[in-house]
Amino acid sequence: MDIVALLVGLGPLLGWGLFPTIASLYGGKPVNQIFGATVGTLIFAAVFALIQGRALPTGMDLVFSLISGAGWAFGQIITFKAFAL
């Protein structure tokens, strides 16, 4: 079985299920939590790209990646604010 397929399948399961709970345990404002999540995701993606030998996106792929990241960040901020309530 392909390791990338496993990561794609299990990543959201573990990430979306455990991440907000763990982040709320450490405290901090939602802005701090999303900044830490973004930096951690960037580091993970860079290491994964280096290990797999994949090229970084350019052109429209980069634009769509940035739009996707903005949507992800917006969703995470809403999730952190909901956990704070």
PDB file of N, CA and C in Angstrom:
ATOM      1  N   MET A   1       0.856  -1.182   0.000  1.00  0.00           N
ATOM      2  CA  MET A   1       0.000   0.000   0.000  1.00  0.00           C
ATOM      3  C   MET A   1       0.899   1.241   0.000  1.00  0.00           C
ATOM      4  N   ASP A   2       0.443   2.272  -0.666  1.00  0.00           N
ATOM      5  CA  ASP A   2       1.211   3.501  -0.807  1.00  0.00           C
ATOM      6  C   ASP A   2       1.138   4.323   0.482  1.00  0.00           C
ATOM      7  N   ILE A   3       2.293   4.785   0.973  1.00  0.00           N
ATOM      8  CA  ILE A   3       2.358   5.547   2.225  1.00  0.00           C
ATOM      9  C   ILE A   3       1.643   6.890   2.088  1.00  0.00           C
ATOM     10  N   VAL A   4       1.696   7.486   0.903  1.00  0.00           N
ATOM     11  CA  VAL A   4       1.009   8.766   0.688  1.00  0.00           C
ATOM     12  C   VAL A   4      -0.495   8.578   0.812  1.00  0.00           C
ATOM     13  N   ALA A   5      -1.009   7.480   0.294  1.00  0.00           N
ATOM     14  CA  ALA A   5      -2.442   7.209   0.404  1.00  0.00           C
ATOM     15  C   ALA A   5      -2.856   7.045   1.867  1.00  0.00           C
ATOM     16  N   LEU A   6      -2.017   6.393   2.654  1.00  0.00           N
ATOM     17  CA  LEU A   6      -2.314   6.247   4.078  1.00  0.00           C
ATOM     18  C   LEU A   6      -2.297   7.595   4.795  1.00  0.00           C
ATOM     19  N   LEU A   7      -1.315   8.434   4.485  1.00  0.00           N
ATOM     20  CA  LEU A   7      -1.258   9.754   5.112  1.00  0.00           C
ATOM     21  C   LEU A   7      -2.462  10.610   4.733  1.00  0.00           C
ATOM     22  N   VAL A   8      -2.862  10.539   3.485  1.00  0.00           N
ATOM     23  CA  VAL A   8      -4.029  11.306   3.045  1.00  0.00           C
ATOM     24  C   VAL A   8      -5.288  10.801   3.744  1.00  0.00           C
ATOM     25  N   GLY A   9      -5.377   9.521   3.950  1.00  0.00           N
ATOM     26  CA  GLY A   9      -6.563   8.951   4.587  1.00  0.00           C
ATOM     27  C   GLY A   9      -6.605   9.150   6.096  1.00  0.00           C
ATOM     28  N   LEU A  10      -5.475   8.980   6.751  1.00  0.00           N
ATOM     29  CA  LEU A  10      -5.447   9.051   8.205  1.00  0.00           C
ATOM     30  C   LEU A  10      -5.147  10.443   8.742  1.00  0.00           C
ATOM     31  N   GLY A  11      -4.533  11.284   7.946  1.00  0.00           N
ATOM     32  CA  GLY A  11      -4.178  12.630   8.393  1.00  0.00           C
ATOM     33  C   GLY A  11      -5.357  13.437   8.900  1.00  0.00           C
ATOM     34  N   PRO A  12      -6.398  13.582   8.088  1.00  0.00           N
ATOM     35  CA  PRO A  12      -7.555  14.353   8.563  1.00  0.00           C
ATOM     36  C   PRO A  12      -8.240  13.712   9.778  1.00  0.00           C
ATOM     37  N   LEU A  13      -8.275  12.404   9.809  1.00  0.00           N
ATOM     38  CA  LEU A  13      -8.890  11.710  10.938  1.00  0.00           C
ATOM     39  C   LEU A  13      -8.202  12.078  12.239  1.00  0.00           C
ATOM     40  N   LEU A  14      -6.895  11.977  12.258  1.00  0.00           N
ATOM     41  CA  LEU A  14      -6.146  12.290  13.471  1.00  0.00           C
ATOM     42  C   LEU A  14      -6.037  13.789  13.699  1.00  0.00           C
ATOM     43  N   GLY A  15      -5.774  14.523  12.643  1.00  0.00           N
ATOM     44  CA  GLY A  15      -5.570  15.960  12.784  1.00  0.00           C
ATOM     45  C   GLY A  15      -6.795  16.703  13.247  1.00  0.00           C
ATOM     46  N   TRP A  16      -7.895  16.529  12.539  1.00  0.00           N
ATOM     47  CA  TRP A  16      -9.104  17.271  12.897  1.00  0.00           C
ATOM     48  C   TRP A  16      -9.717  16.758  14.192  1.00  0.00           C
ATOM     49  N   GLY A  17      -9.462  15.509  14.540  1.00  0.00           N
ATOM     50  CA  GLY A  17     -10.025  14.984  15.768  1.00  0.00           C
ATOM     51  C   GLY A  17      -9.255  15.366  17.018  1.00  0.00           C
ATOM     52  N   LEU A  18      -7.952  15.350  16.934  1.00  0.00           N
ATOM     53  CA  LEU A  18      -7.136  15.580  18.120  1.00  0.00           C
ATOM     54  C   LEU A  18      -6.562  16.993  18.224  1.00  0.00           C
ATOM     55  N   PHE A  19      -6.332  17.638  17.107  1.00  0.00           N
ATOM     56  CA  PHE A  19      -5.612  18.901  17.121  1.00  0.00           C
ATOM     57  C   PHE A  19      -6.285  20.000  17.936  1.00  0.00           C
ATOM     58  N   PRO A  20      -7.571  20.295  17.741  1.00  0.00           N
ATOM     59  CA  PRO A  20      -8.174  21.369  18.545  1.00  0.00           C
ATOM     60  C   PRO A  20      -8.160  21.070  20.043  1.00  0.00           C
ATOM     61  N   THR A  21      -8.334  19.822  20.399  1.00  0.00           N
ATOM     62  CA  THR A  21      -8.325  19.451  21.806  1.00  0.00           C
ATOM     63  C   THR A  21      -6.942  19.655  22.415  1.00  0.00           C
ATOM     64  N   ILE A  22      -5.919  19.228  21.711  1.00  0.00           N
ATOM     65  CA  ILE A  22      -4.556  19.389  22.213  1.00  0.00           C
ATOM     66  C   ILE A  22      -4.173  20.859  22.276  1.00  0.00           C
ATOM     67  N   ALA A  23      -4.540  21.628  21.256  1.00  0.00           N
ATOM     68  CA  ALA A  23      -4.204  23.053  21.231  1.00  0.00           C
ATOM     69  C   ALA A  23      -4.899  23.804  22.356  1.00  0.00           C
ATOM     70  N   SER A  24      -6.128  23.428  22.677  1.00  0.00           N
ATOM     71  CA  SER A  24      -6.837  24.119  23.755  1.00  0.00           C
ATOM     72  C   SER A  24      -6.247  23.782  25.120  1.00  0.00           C
ATOM     73  N   LEU A  25      -5.595  22.629  25.245  1.00  0.00           N
ATOM     74  CA  LEU A  25      -4.935  22.284  26.509  1.00  0.00           C
ATOM     75  C   LEU A  25      -3.752  23.202  26.792  1.00  0.00           C
ATOM     76  N   TYR A  26      -3.050  23.618  25.740  1.00  0.00           N
ATOM     77  CA  TYR A  26      -1.902  24.504  25.914  1.00  0.00           C
ATOM     78  C   TYR A  26      -2.312  25.946  26.145  1.00  0.00           C
ATOM     79  N   GLY A  27      -3.550  26.274  25.845  1.00  0.00           N
ATOM     80  CA  GLY A  27      -4.046  27.625  26.080  1.00  0.00           C
ATOM     81  C   GLY A  27      -3.587  28.601  25.020  1.00  0.00           C
ATOM     82  N   GLY A  28      -3.700  29.878  25.345  1.00  0.00           N
ATOM     83  CA  GLY A  28      -3.334  30.915  24.395  1.00  0.00           C
ATOM     84  C   GLY A  28      -4.538  31.383  23.602  1.00  0.00           C
ATOM     85  N   LYS A  29      -4.367  32.505  22.955  1.00  0.00           N
ATOM     86  CA  LYS A  29      -5.432  33.053  22.125  1.00  0.00           C
ATOM     87  C   LYS A  29      -5.551  32.240  20.840  1.00  0.00           C
ATOM     88  N   PRO A  30      -6.728  32.272  20.210  1.00  0.00           N
ATOM     89  CA  PRO A  30      -6.866  31.567  18.930  1.00  0.00           C
ATOM     90  C   PRO A  30      -5.851  32.021  17.880  1.00  0.00           C
ATOM     91  N   VAL A  31      -5.455  33.303  17.927  1.00  0.00           N
ATOM     92  CA  VAL A  31      -4.459  33.796  16.973  1.00  0.00           C
ATOM     93  C   VAL A  31      -3.126  33.085  17.183  1.00  0.00           C
ATOM     94  N   ASN A  32      -2.727  32.911  18.428  1.00  0.00           N
ATOM     95  CA  ASN A  32      -1.483  32.206  18.728  1.00  0.00           C
ATOM     96  C   ASN A  32      -1.565  30.741  18.319  1.00  0.00           C
ATOM     97  N   GLN A  33      -2.715  30.138  18.548  1.00  0.00           N
ATOM     98  CA  GLN A  33      -2.893  28.734  18.200  1.00  0.00           C
ATOM     99  C   GLN A  33      -2.824  28.529  16.690  1.00  0.00           C
ATOM    100  N   ILE A  34      -3.456  29.410  15.914  1.00  0.00           N
ATOM    101  CA  ILE A  34      -3.435  29.246  14.466  1.00  0.00           C
ATOM    102  C   ILE A  34      -2.047  29.527  13.915  1.00  0.00           C
ATOM    103  N   PHE A  35      -1.325  30.473  14.519  1.00  0.00           N
ATOM    104  CA  PHE A  35       0.047  30.738  14.067  1.00  0.00           C
ATOM    105  C   PHE A  35       0.931  29.516  14.302  1.00  0.00           C
ATOM    106  N   GLY A  36       0.813  28.900  15.468  1.00  0.00           N
ATOM    107  CA  GLY A  36       1.584  27.690  15.752  1.00  0.00           C
ATOM    108  C   GLY A  36       1.207  26.546  14.827  1.00  0.00           C
ATOM    109  N   ALA A  37      -0.080  26.414  14.546  1.00  0.00           N
ATOM    110  CA  ALA A  37      -0.526  25.363  13.641  1.00  0.00           C
ATOM    111  C   ALA A  37       0.004  25.588  12.233  1.00  0.00           C
ATOM    112  N   THR A  38       0.017  26.831  11.796  1.00  0.00           N
ATOM    113  CA  THR A  38       0.490  27.145  10.459  1.00  0.00           C
ATOM    114  C   THR A  38       1.987  26.885  10.324  1.00  0.00           C
ATOM    115  N   VAL A  39       2.757  27.298  11.314  1.00  0.00           N
ATOM    116  CA  VAL A  39       4.200  27.061  11.268  1.00  0.00           C
ATOM    117  C   VAL A  39       4.496  25.559  11.318  1.00  0.00           C
ATOM    118  N   GLY A  40       3.784  24.840  12.168  1.00  0.00           N
ATOM    119  CA  GLY A  40       3.975  23.393  12.241  1.00  0.00           C
ATOM    120  C   GLY A  40       3.624  22.695  10.940  1.00  0.00           C
ATOM    121  N   THR A  41       2.544  23.126  10.302  1.00  0.00           N
ATOM    122  CA  THR A  41       2.156  22.551   9.019  1.00  0.00           C
ATOM    123  C   THR A  41       3.182  22.870   7.940  1.00  0.00           C
ATOM    124  N   LEU A  42       3.706  24.084   7.951  1.00  0.00           N
ATOM    125  CA  LEU A  42       4.728  24.465   6.977  1.00  0.00           C
ATOM    126  C   LEU A  42       5.977  23.617   7.145  1.00  0.00           C
ATOM    127  N   ILE A  43       6.404  23.413   8.370  1.00  0.00           N
ATOM    128  CA  ILE A  43       7.596  22.589   8.620  1.00  0.00           C
ATOM    129  C   ILE A  43       7.357  21.152   8.169  1.00  0.00           C
ATOM    130  N   PHE A  44       6.193  20.606   8.511  1.00  0.00           N
ATOM    131  CA  PHE A  44       5.868  19.236   8.105  1.00  0.00           C
ATOM    132  C   PHE A  44       5.844  19.115   6.587  1.00  0.00           C
ATOM    133  N   ALA A  45       5.219  20.073   5.906  1.00  0.00           N
ATOM    134  CA  ALA A  45       5.123  20.020   4.441  1.00  0.00           C
ATOM    135  C   ALA A  45       6.497  20.131   3.791  1.00  0.00           C
ATOM    136  N   ALA A  46       7.370  20.989   4.331  1.00  0.00           N
ATOM    137  CA  ALA A  46       8.712  21.144   3.759  1.00  0.00           C
ATOM    138  C   ALA A  46       9.527  19.865   3.929  1.00  0.00           C
ATOM    139  N   VAL A  47       9.459  19.274   5.100  1.00  0.00           N
ATOM    140  CA  VAL A  47      10.193  18.026   5.345  1.00  0.00           C
ATOM    141  C   VAL A  47       9.642  16.909   4.463  1.00  0.00           C
ATOM    142  N   PHE A  48       8.326  16.830   4.347  1.00  0.00           N
ATOM    143  CA  PHE A  48       7.698  15.795   3.521  1.00  0.00           C
ATOM    144  C   PHE A  48       8.089  15.970   2.057  1.00  0.00           C
ATOM    145  N   ALA A  49       8.107  17.225   1.574  1.00  0.00           N
ATOM    146  CA  ALA A  49       8.495  17.478   0.185  1.00  0.00           C
ATOM    147  C   ALA A  49       9.951  17.097  -0.059  1.00  0.00           C
ATOM    148  N   LEU A  50      10.824  17.368   0.914  1.00  0.00           N
ATOM    149  CA  LEU A  50      12.229  16.997   0.755  1.00  0.00           C
ATOM    150  C   LEU A  50      12.416  15.483   0.759  1.00  0.00           C
ATOM    151  N   ILE A  51      11.719  14.802   1.645  1.00  0.00           N
ATOM    152  CA  ILE A  51      11.853  13.344   1.739  1.00  0.00           C
ATOM    153  C   ILE A  51      11.317  12.665   0.483  1.00  0.00           C
ATOM    154  N   GLN A  52      10.161  13.127   0.009  1.00  0.00           N
ATOM    155  CA  GLN A  52       9.537  12.520  -1.160  1.00  0.00           C
ATOM    156  C   GLN A  52      10.143  13.011  -2.476  1.00  0.00           C
ATOM    157  N   GLY A  53      10.952  14.073  -2.433  1.00  0.00           N
ATOM    158  CA  GLY A  53      11.553  14.599  -3.649  1.00  0.00           C
ATOM    159  C   GLY A  53      10.568  15.309  -4.550  1.00  0.00           C
ATOM    160  N   ARG A  54       9.567  15.922  -3.966  1.00  0.00           N
ATOM    161  CA  ARG A  54       8.546  16.610  -4.754  1.00  0.00           C
ATOM    162  C   ARG A  54       8.927  18.072  -4.939  1.00  0.00           C
ATOM    163  N   ALA A  55       8.514  18.626  -6.075  1.00  0.00           N
ATOM    164  CA  ALA A  55       8.795  20.031  -6.365  1.00  0.00           C
ATOM    165  C   ALA A  55       7.782  20.920  -5.650  1.00  0.00           C
ATOM    166  N   LEU A  56       8.208  22.121  -5.313  1.00  0.00           N
ATOM    167  CA  LEU A  56       7.298  23.079  -4.706  1.00  0.00           C
ATOM    168  C   LEU A  56       6.374  23.646  -5.784  1.00  0.00           C
ATOM    169  N   PRO A  57       5.136  23.997  -5.419  1.00  0.00           N
ATOM    170  CA  PRO A  57       4.200  24.469  -6.437  1.00  0.00           C
ATOM    171  C   PRO A  57       4.604  25.834  -7.007  1.00  0.00           C
ATOM    172  N   THR A  58       4.291  26.030  -8.269  1.00  0.00           N
ATOM    173  CA  THR A  58       4.531  27.313  -8.932  1.00  0.00           C
ATOM    174  C   THR A  58       3.302  27.673  -9.758  1.00  0.00           C
ATOM    175  N   GLY A  59       3.207  28.924 -10.162  1.00  0.00           N
ATOM    176  CA  GLY A  59       2.118  29.372 -11.031  1.00  0.00           C
ATOM    177  C   GLY A  59       0.762  29.250 -10.373  1.00  0.00           C
ATOM    178  N   MET A  60      -0.192  28.731 -11.124  1.00  0.00           N
ATOM    179  CA  MET A  60      -1.562  28.598 -10.614  1.00  0.00           C
ATOM    180  C   MET A  60      -1.657  27.568  -9.501  1.00  0.00           C
ATOM    181  N   ASP A  61      -0.786  26.574  -9.507  1.00  0.00           N
ATOM    182  CA  ASP A  61      -0.767  25.614  -8.403  1.00  0.00           C
ATOM    183  C   ASP A  61      -0.452  26.313  -7.088  1.00  0.00           C
ATOM    184  N   LEU A  62       0.464  27.270  -7.132  1.00  0.00           N
ATOM    185  CA  LEU A  62       0.807  28.035  -5.941  1.00  0.00           C
ATOM    186  C   LEU A  62      -0.372  28.899  -5.492  1.00  0.00           C
ATOM    187  N   VAL A  63      -1.055  29.530  -6.450  1.00  0.00           N
ATOM    188  CA  VAL A  63      -2.214  30.370  -6.123  1.00  0.00           C
ATOM    189  C   VAL A  63      -3.301  29.529  -5.462  1.00  0.00           C
ATOM    190  N   PHE A  64      -3.594  28.373  -6.047  1.00  0.00           N
ATOM    191  CA  PHE A  64      -4.623  27.509  -5.461  1.00  0.00           C
ATOM    192  C   PHE A  64      -4.195  26.969  -4.100  1.00  0.00           C
ATOM    193  N   SER A  65      -2.905  26.732  -3.914  1.00  0.00           N
ATOM    194  CA  SER A  65      -2.400  26.288  -2.615  1.00  0.00           C
ATOM    195  C   SER A  65      -2.592  27.368  -1.561  1.00  0.00           C
ATOM    196  N   LEU A  66      -2.328  28.616  -1.927  1.00  0.00           N
ATOM    197  CA  LEU A  66      -2.506  29.723  -0.988  1.00  0.00           C
ATOM    198  C   LEU A  66      -3.976  29.930  -0.636  1.00  0.00           C
ATOM    199  N   ILE A  67      -4.859  29.811  -1.627  1.00  0.00           N
ATOM    200  CA  ILE A  67      -6.296  29.939  -1.362  1.00  0.00           C
ATOM    201  C   ILE A  67      -6.766  28.807  -0.455  1.00  0.00           C
ATOM    202  N   SER A  68      -6.277  27.601  -0.707  1.00  0.00           N
ATOM    203  CA  SER A  68      -6.628  26.460   0.137  1.00  0.00           C
ATOM    204  C   SER A  68      -6.129  26.655   1.563  1.00  0.00           C
ATOM    205  N   GLY A  69      -4.901  27.161   1.704  1.00  0.00           N
ATOM    206  CA  GLY A  69      -4.350  27.423   3.032  1.00  0.00           C
ATOM    207  C   GLY A  69      -5.130  28.490   3.777  1.00  0.00           C
ATOM    208  N   ALA A  70      -5.589  29.523   3.054  1.00  0.00           N
ATOM    209  CA  ALA A  70      -6.393  30.567   3.691  1.00  0.00           C
ATOM    210  C   ALA A  70      -7.718  29.997   4.181  1.00  0.00           C
ATOM    211  N   GLY A  71      -8.324  29.136   3.381  1.00  0.00           N
ATOM    212  CA  GLY A  71      -9.564  28.484   3.811  1.00  0.00           C
ATOM    213  C   GLY A  71      -9.348  27.595   5.022  1.00  0.00           C
ATOM    214  N   TRP A  72      -8.235  26.869   5.029  1.00  0.00           N
ATOM    215  CA  TRP A  72      -7.911  26.023   6.173  1.00  0.00           C
ATOM    216  C   TRP A  72      -7.708  26.863   7.434  1.00  0.00           C
ATOM    217  N   ALA A  73      -6.984  27.979   7.297  1.00  0.00           N
ATOM    218  CA  ALA A  73      -6.728  28.848   8.449  1.00  0.00           C
ATOM    219  C   ALA A  73      -8.034  29.426   8.990  1.00  0.00           C
ATOM    220  N   PHE A  74      -8.921  29.840   8.103  1.00  0.00           N
ATOM    221  CA  PHE A  74     -10.215  30.374   8.531  1.00  0.00           C
ATOM    222  C   PHE A  74     -11.002  29.315   9.308  1.00  0.00           C
ATOM    223  N   GLY A  75     -11.012  28.096   8.791  1.00  0.00           N
ATOM    224  CA  GLY A  75     -11.706  27.011   9.490  1.00  0.00           C
ATOM    225  C   GLY A  75     -11.094  26.709  10.845  1.00  0.00           C
ATOM    226  N   GLN A  76      -9.775  26.751  10.931  1.00  0.00           N
ATOM    227  CA  GLN A  76      -9.110  26.503  12.206  1.00  0.00           C
ATOM    228  C   GLN A  76      -9.410  27.609  13.213  1.00  0.00           C
ATOM    229  N   ILE A  77      -9.431  28.862  12.778  1.00  0.00           N
ATOM    230  CA  ILE A  77      -9.741  29.961  13.690  1.00  0.00           C
ATOM    231  C   ILE A  77     -11.140  29.794  14.255  1.00  0.00           C
ATOM    232  N   ILE A  78     -12.093  29.444  13.410  1.00  0.00           N
ATOM    233  CA  ILE A  78     -13.474  29.230  13.876  1.00  0.00           C
ATOM    234  C   ILE A  78     -13.517  28.063  14.872  1.00  0.00           C
ATOM    235  N   THR A  79     -12.766  26.999  14.588  1.00  0.00           N
ATOM    236  CA  THR A  79     -12.739  25.858  15.507  1.00  0.00           C
ATOM    237  C   THR A  79     -12.148  26.242  16.855  1.00  0.00           C
ATOM    238  N   PHE A  80     -11.043  26.996  16.858  1.00  0.00           N
ATOM    239  CA  PHE A  80     -10.428  27.419  18.124  1.00  0.00           C
ATOM    240  C   PHE A  80     -11.342  28.343  18.904  1.00  0.00           C
ATOM    241  N   LYS A  81     -12.024  29.233  18.217  1.00  0.00           N
ATOM    242  CA  LYS A  81     -12.958  30.127  18.922  1.00  0.00           C
ATOM    243  C   LYS A  81     -14.121  29.336  19.510  1.00  0.00           C
ATOM    244  N   ALA A  82     -14.568  28.312  18.788  1.00  0.00           N
ATOM    245  CA  ALA A  82     -15.651  27.467  19.316  1.00  0.00           C
ATOM    246  C   ALA A  82     -15.200  26.694  20.551  1.00  0.00           C
ATOM    247  N   PHE A  83     -13.961  26.199  20.557  1.00  0.00           N
ATOM    248  CA  PHE A  83     -13.455  25.489  21.720  1.00  0.00           C
ATOM    249  C   PHE A  83     -13.288  26.439  22.902  1.00  0.00           C
ATOM    250  N   ALA A  84     -12.956  27.702  22.628  1.00  0.00           N
ATOM    251  CA  ALA A  84     -12.806  28.675  23.718  1.00  0.00           C
ATOM    252  C   ALA A  84     -14.148  28.968  24.385  1.00  0.00           C
ATOM    253  N   LEU A  85     -15.226  28.887  23.613  1.00  0.00           N
ATOM    254  CA  LEU A  85     -16.551  29.121  24.192  1.00  0.00           C
ATOM    255  C   LEU A  85     -16.981  27.955  25.056  1.00  0.00           C
TER     256      LEU A  85
END
